[in-house]
């Protein structure tokens, strides 16, 4: 298991927002829907090329087409201290923080920070 900072209760440290998360090379963005039952995306924050508002719109749209909701209390964006290779708990098996993004339309696109 990969070790990382926790909040004291064993859960990954959660940042106040994207700005604070960008200060930590081990920070990841987690997009989830269905009250955490579906993990849509888990990647290092350094790969994020948009603002937090765009992430909230994206997760809302993903949740809307997946679960017909899009409600901001159901579809969430979290910035957590989860280095590459660590897992994020959630439904459908959770998510693995990976060091690349995969484009759904054309295949994998490797990104390096």
C-alpha atoms as a PDB file:
ATOM      1  CA  UNK A   1       0.000   0.000   0.000  1.00  0.00           C
ATOM      2  CA  UNK A   2       1.240   3.467  -0.836  1.00  0.00           C
ATOM      3  CA  UNK A   3       1.435   5.782   2.137  1.00  0.00           C
ATOM      4  CA  UNK A   4       0.234   9.393   2.106  1.00  0.00           C
ATOM      5  CA  UNK A   5      -0.899  12.110   4.499  1.00  0.00           C
ATOM      6  CA  UNK A   6      -4.223  11.475   6.158  1.00  0.00           C
ATOM      7  CA  UNK A   7      -6.690  13.603   8.040  1.00  0.00           C
ATOM      8  CA  UNK A   8      -6.012  11.633  11.228  1.00  0.00           C
ATOM      9  CA  UNK A   9      -8.872   9.191  10.764  1.00  0.00           C
ATOM     10  CA  UNK A  10      -7.201   7.211   7.976  1.00  0.00           C
ATOM     11  CA  UNK A  11      -8.890   9.151   5.185  1.00  0.00           C
ATOM     12  CA  UNK A  12      -6.812  11.055   2.600  1.00  0.00           C
ATOM     13  CA  UNK A  13      -6.244  14.722   3.392  1.00  0.00           C
ATOM     14  CA  UNK A  14      -8.787  16.880   1.516  1.00  0.00           C
ATOM     15  CA  UNK A  15      -7.746  20.316   0.239  1.00  0.00           C
ATOM     16  CA  UNK A  16      -9.973  23.407   0.375  1.00  0.00           C
ATOM     17  CA  UNK A  17      -9.870  23.749  -3.390  1.00  0.00           C
ATOM     18  CA  UNK A  18      -7.881  23.460  -6.581  1.00  0.00           C
ATOM     19  CA  UNK A  19      -5.612  26.385  -5.696  1.00  0.00           C
ATOM     20  CA  UNK A  20      -4.463  24.717  -2.477  1.00  0.00           C
ATOM     21  CA  UNK A  21      -4.173  21.281  -4.069  1.00  0.00           C
ATOM     22  CA  UNK A  22      -1.860  22.616  -6.798  1.00  0.00           C
ATOM     23  CA  UNK A  23       0.776  23.257  -4.100  1.00  0.00           C
ATOM     24  CA  UNK A  24       1.184  19.502  -3.467  1.00  0.00           C
ATOM     25  CA  UNK A  25       2.697  17.189  -6.086  1.00  0.00           C
ATOM     26  CA  UNK A  26       0.802  14.282  -4.487  1.00  0.00           C
ATOM     27  CA  UNK A  27      -2.634  15.871  -4.806  1.00  0.00           C
ATOM     28  CA  UNK A  28      -5.293  14.287  -7.008  1.00  0.00           C
ATOM     29  CA  UNK A  29      -8.655  15.409  -8.312  1.00  0.00           C
ATOM     30  CA  UNK A  30     -11.495  12.945  -7.786  1.00  0.00           C
ATOM     31  CA  UNK A  31     -14.718  13.317  -9.757  1.00  0.00           C
ATOM     32  CA  UNK A  32     -17.518  11.123  -8.435  1.00  0.00           C
ATOM     33  CA  UNK A  33     -21.226  10.731  -8.949  1.00  0.00           C
ATOM     34  CA  UNK A  34     -24.146   8.890  -7.399  1.00  0.00           C
ATOM     35  CA  UNK A  35     -23.069   9.926  -3.858  1.00  0.00           C
ATOM     36  CA  UNK A  36     -19.589   8.451  -4.422  1.00  0.00           C
ATOM     37  CA  UNK A  37     -21.033   5.284  -5.908  1.00  0.00           C
ATOM     38  CA  UNK A  38     -19.331   5.995  -9.226  1.00  0.00           C
ATOM     39  CA  UNK A  39     -15.773   7.282  -9.551  1.00  0.00           C
ATOM     40  CA  UNK A  40     -15.449   9.050 -12.910  1.00  0.00           C
ATOM     41  CA  UNK A  41     -11.886  10.382 -12.741  1.00  0.00           C
ATOM     42  CA  UNK A  42      -8.839  10.127 -10.473  1.00  0.00           C
ATOM     43  CA  UNK A  43      -5.734  11.917 -11.755  1.00  0.00           C
ATOM     44  CA  UNK A  44      -2.969  14.095 -10.328  1.00  0.00           C
ATOM     45  CA  UNK A  45      -3.973  17.744 -10.000  1.00  0.00           C
ATOM     46  CA  UNK A  46      -0.900  18.715 -12.048  1.00  0.00           C
ATOM     47  CA  UNK A  47      -2.658  17.275 -15.127  1.00  0.00           C
ATOM     48  CA  UNK A  48      -5.668  19.568 -14.678  1.00  0.00           C
ATOM     49  CA  UNK A  49      -5.646  22.323 -17.305  1.00  0.00           C
ATOM     50  CA  UNK A  50      -8.937  24.015 -16.386  1.00  0.00           C
ATOM     51  CA  UNK A  51     -10.392  25.862 -13.429  1.00  0.00           C
ATOM     52  CA  UNK A  52     -12.477  24.332 -10.651  1.00  0.00           C
ATOM     53  CA  UNK A  53     -15.709  25.643 -12.174  1.00  0.00           C
ATOM     54  CA  UNK A  54     -15.087  23.598 -15.332  1.00  0.00           C
ATOM     55  CA  UNK A  55     -14.483  20.487 -13.195  1.00  0.00           C
ATOM     56  CA  UNK A  56     -17.801  21.027 -11.391  1.00  0.00           C
ATOM     57  CA  UNK A  57     -19.580  21.405 -14.734  1.00  0.00           C
ATOM     58  CA  UNK A  58     -17.888  18.261 -16.067  1.00  0.00           C
ATOM     59  CA  UNK A  59     -18.810  16.091 -13.080  1.00  0.00           C
ATOM     60  CA  UNK A  60     -22.375  17.391 -13.137  1.00  0.00           C
ATOM     61  CA  UNK A  61     -22.656  16.546 -16.840  1.00  0.00           C
ATOM     62  CA  UNK A  62     -21.121  13.086 -16.335  1.00  0.00           C
ATOM     63  CA  UNK A  63     -23.509  12.345 -13.490  1.00  0.00           C
ATOM     64  CA  UNK A  64     -26.459  13.633 -15.505  1.00  0.00           C
ATOM     65  CA  UNK A  65     -25.809  11.276 -18.421  1.00  0.00           C
ATOM     66  CA  UNK A  66     -24.877   8.333 -16.178  1.00  0.00           C
ATOM     67  CA  UNK A  67     -27.439   8.611 -13.385  1.00  0.00           C
ATOM     68  CA  UNK A  68     -29.889  11.228 -14.757  1.00  0.00           C
ATOM     69  CA  UNK A  69     -29.078  13.566 -11.897  1.00  0.00           C
ATOM     70  CA  UNK A  70     -26.254  16.105 -12.089  1.00  0.00           C
ATOM     71  CA  UNK A  71     -27.201  17.474  -8.673  1.00  0.00           C
ATOM     72  CA  UNK A  72     -24.113  19.085  -7.020  1.00  0.00           C
ATOM     73  CA  UNK A  73     -24.836  17.261  -3.751  1.00  0.00           C
ATOM     74  CA  UNK A  74     -24.716  13.946  -5.622  1.00  0.00           C
ATOM     75  CA  UNK A  75     -21.935  14.652  -8.140  1.00  0.00           C
ATOM     76  CA  UNK A  76     -18.783  15.935  -6.450  1.00  0.00           C
ATOM     77  CA  UNK A  77     -15.290  17.207  -7.110  1.00  0.00           C
ATOM     78  CA  UNK A  78     -12.719  16.550  -4.391  1.00  0.00           C
ATOM     79  CA  UNK A  79      -9.044  17.447  -4.168  1.00  0.00           C
ATOM     80  CA  UNK A  80      -7.277  14.835  -2.060  1.00  0.00           C
ATOM     81  CA  UNK A  81      -3.734  13.927  -1.095  1.00  0.00           C
ATOM     82  CA  UNK A  82      -3.583  10.720  -3.154  1.00  0.00           C
ATOM     83  CA  UNK A  83      -0.333  10.117  -5.043  1.00  0.00           C
ATOM     84  CA  UNK A  84      -0.149   8.186  -8.323  1.00  0.00           C
ATOM     85  CA  UNK A  85      -0.783   4.502  -7.660  1.00  0.00           C
ATOM     86  CA  UNK A  86      -3.031   5.016  -4.653  1.00  0.00           C
ATOM     87  CA  UNK A  87      -6.674   4.035  -4.653  1.00  0.00           C
ATOM     88  CA  UNK A  88      -9.789   6.069  -3.967  1.00  0.00           C
ATOM     89  CA  UNK A  89     -12.651   4.246  -2.299  1.00  0.00           C
ATOM     90  CA  UNK A  90     -15.994   4.317  -4.033  1.00  0.00           C
ATOM     91  CA  UNK A  91     -18.594   2.214  -5.725  1.00  0.00           C
ATOM     92  CA  UNK A  92     -17.868   0.159  -8.825  1.00  0.00           C
ATOM     93  CA  UNK A  93     -14.485  -0.767  -7.318  1.00  0.00           C
ATOM     94  CA  UNK A  94     -13.357   2.787  -6.623  1.00  0.00           C
ATOM     95  CA  UNK A  95     -10.615   4.431  -8.623  1.00  0.00           C
ATOM     96  CA  UNK A  96      -6.870   4.204  -9.116  1.00  0.00           C
ATOM     97  CA  UNK A  97      -4.910   7.453  -9.394  1.00  0.00           C
ATOM     98  CA  UNK A  98      -3.128   7.178 -12.743  1.00  0.00           C
ATOM     99  CA  UNK A  99      -0.534   9.400 -14.377  1.00  0.00           C
ATOM    100  CA  UNK A 100      -2.339   9.846 -17.684  1.00  0.00           C
ATOM    101  CA  UNK A 101      -5.689  10.796 -19.135  1.00  0.00           C
ATOM    102  CA  UNK A 102      -7.549   8.704 -21.669  1.00  0.00           C
ATOM    103  CA  UNK A 103      -9.538  10.452 -24.335  1.00  0.00           C
ATOM    104  CA  UNK A 104     -12.823   8.696 -24.856  1.00  0.00           C
ATOM    105  CA  UNK A 105     -13.002   9.548 -28.541  1.00  0.00           C
ATOM    106  CA  UNK A 106      -9.549   8.535 -29.821  1.00  0.00           C
ATOM    107  CA  UNK A 107      -7.783   6.437 -27.189  1.00  0.00           C
ATOM    108  CA  UNK A 108      -5.022   7.007 -24.684  1.00  0.00           C
ATOM    109  CA  UNK A 109      -3.102  10.244 -24.582  1.00  0.00           C
ATOM    110  CA  UNK A 110      -0.036  10.122 -22.364  1.00  0.00           C
ATOM    111  CA  UNK A 111       0.580  13.274 -20.344  1.00  0.00           C
ATOM    112  CA  UNK A 112       3.601  14.075 -18.296  1.00  0.00           C
ATOM    113  CA  UNK A 113       3.870  16.940 -15.861  1.00  0.00           C
END
